[in-house]
Amino acid sequence: MTVRILALVGSLRSGSHNRQLAEAAVKHAPEGVEVTLYEGLGEVPFYNEDIDTDEHRPGAAARLRETAARADAFLLVTPEYNGTMPAVLKNAIDWLSRPFGSGALTGSPTAVVGTAFGQYGGVWAQNDARKSAGIAGATILEDAKLAIPDSVTRFAETHPADDTEAVAQLKQVLGTLASGGKIAES
């Protein structure tokens, strides 16, 4: 059986290091794990309960929910913008938290990873993403973490998919995520 992990990236920039980290997850997923990088978060309007109805729900939001409903687990990949996660990732979490108590995130194993320019690798943003997704009902895997500091220098000429250390750490996160929280052995 294949475990399907949906990766949601908080950066909309095509060349972002966090997008590249998600691409590395797709490329280096362990056997039995399929990682899909969701395209289109930038098209999803800000959550508004007035438009979250069968008659008014925007197509982009409906597609996000439909895709998320087919996932077994979630990988949230976040940069750090002004000390927190980007609005596009928070917005995705908001849409996936509804309907309350039965949204796509409810009970789903979820890991948060990322890279940032700073010396801590975006841990504030990652902590905020964990908190928000957890309140939305996700099962946050606290042992499945990866914060890569100094992204601008580290990945200036190397794609994360070609960084041996980053790939090994990412595989461990994906293995733990795929097992539903049991620590993956390397």
Foldseek 3Di string as FASTA:
>chain_A
DAAEEEEEELDPDPPDLLVLLLVLCQVQADPRYHYDYDPDLVVQDADDPVQPDPVRHDPSLVVLQVVLLPHQAYEYEAEADPQAGHPSLLRSLVSQLPPPPDGSQAAHEYEYEYAYQAPFQNVSHRVRSQVSSVVSHHDYQPVLYYRHYRCCVVPVPPRLSRDVVSSVSSNQSSVCNSVVRDGDDD
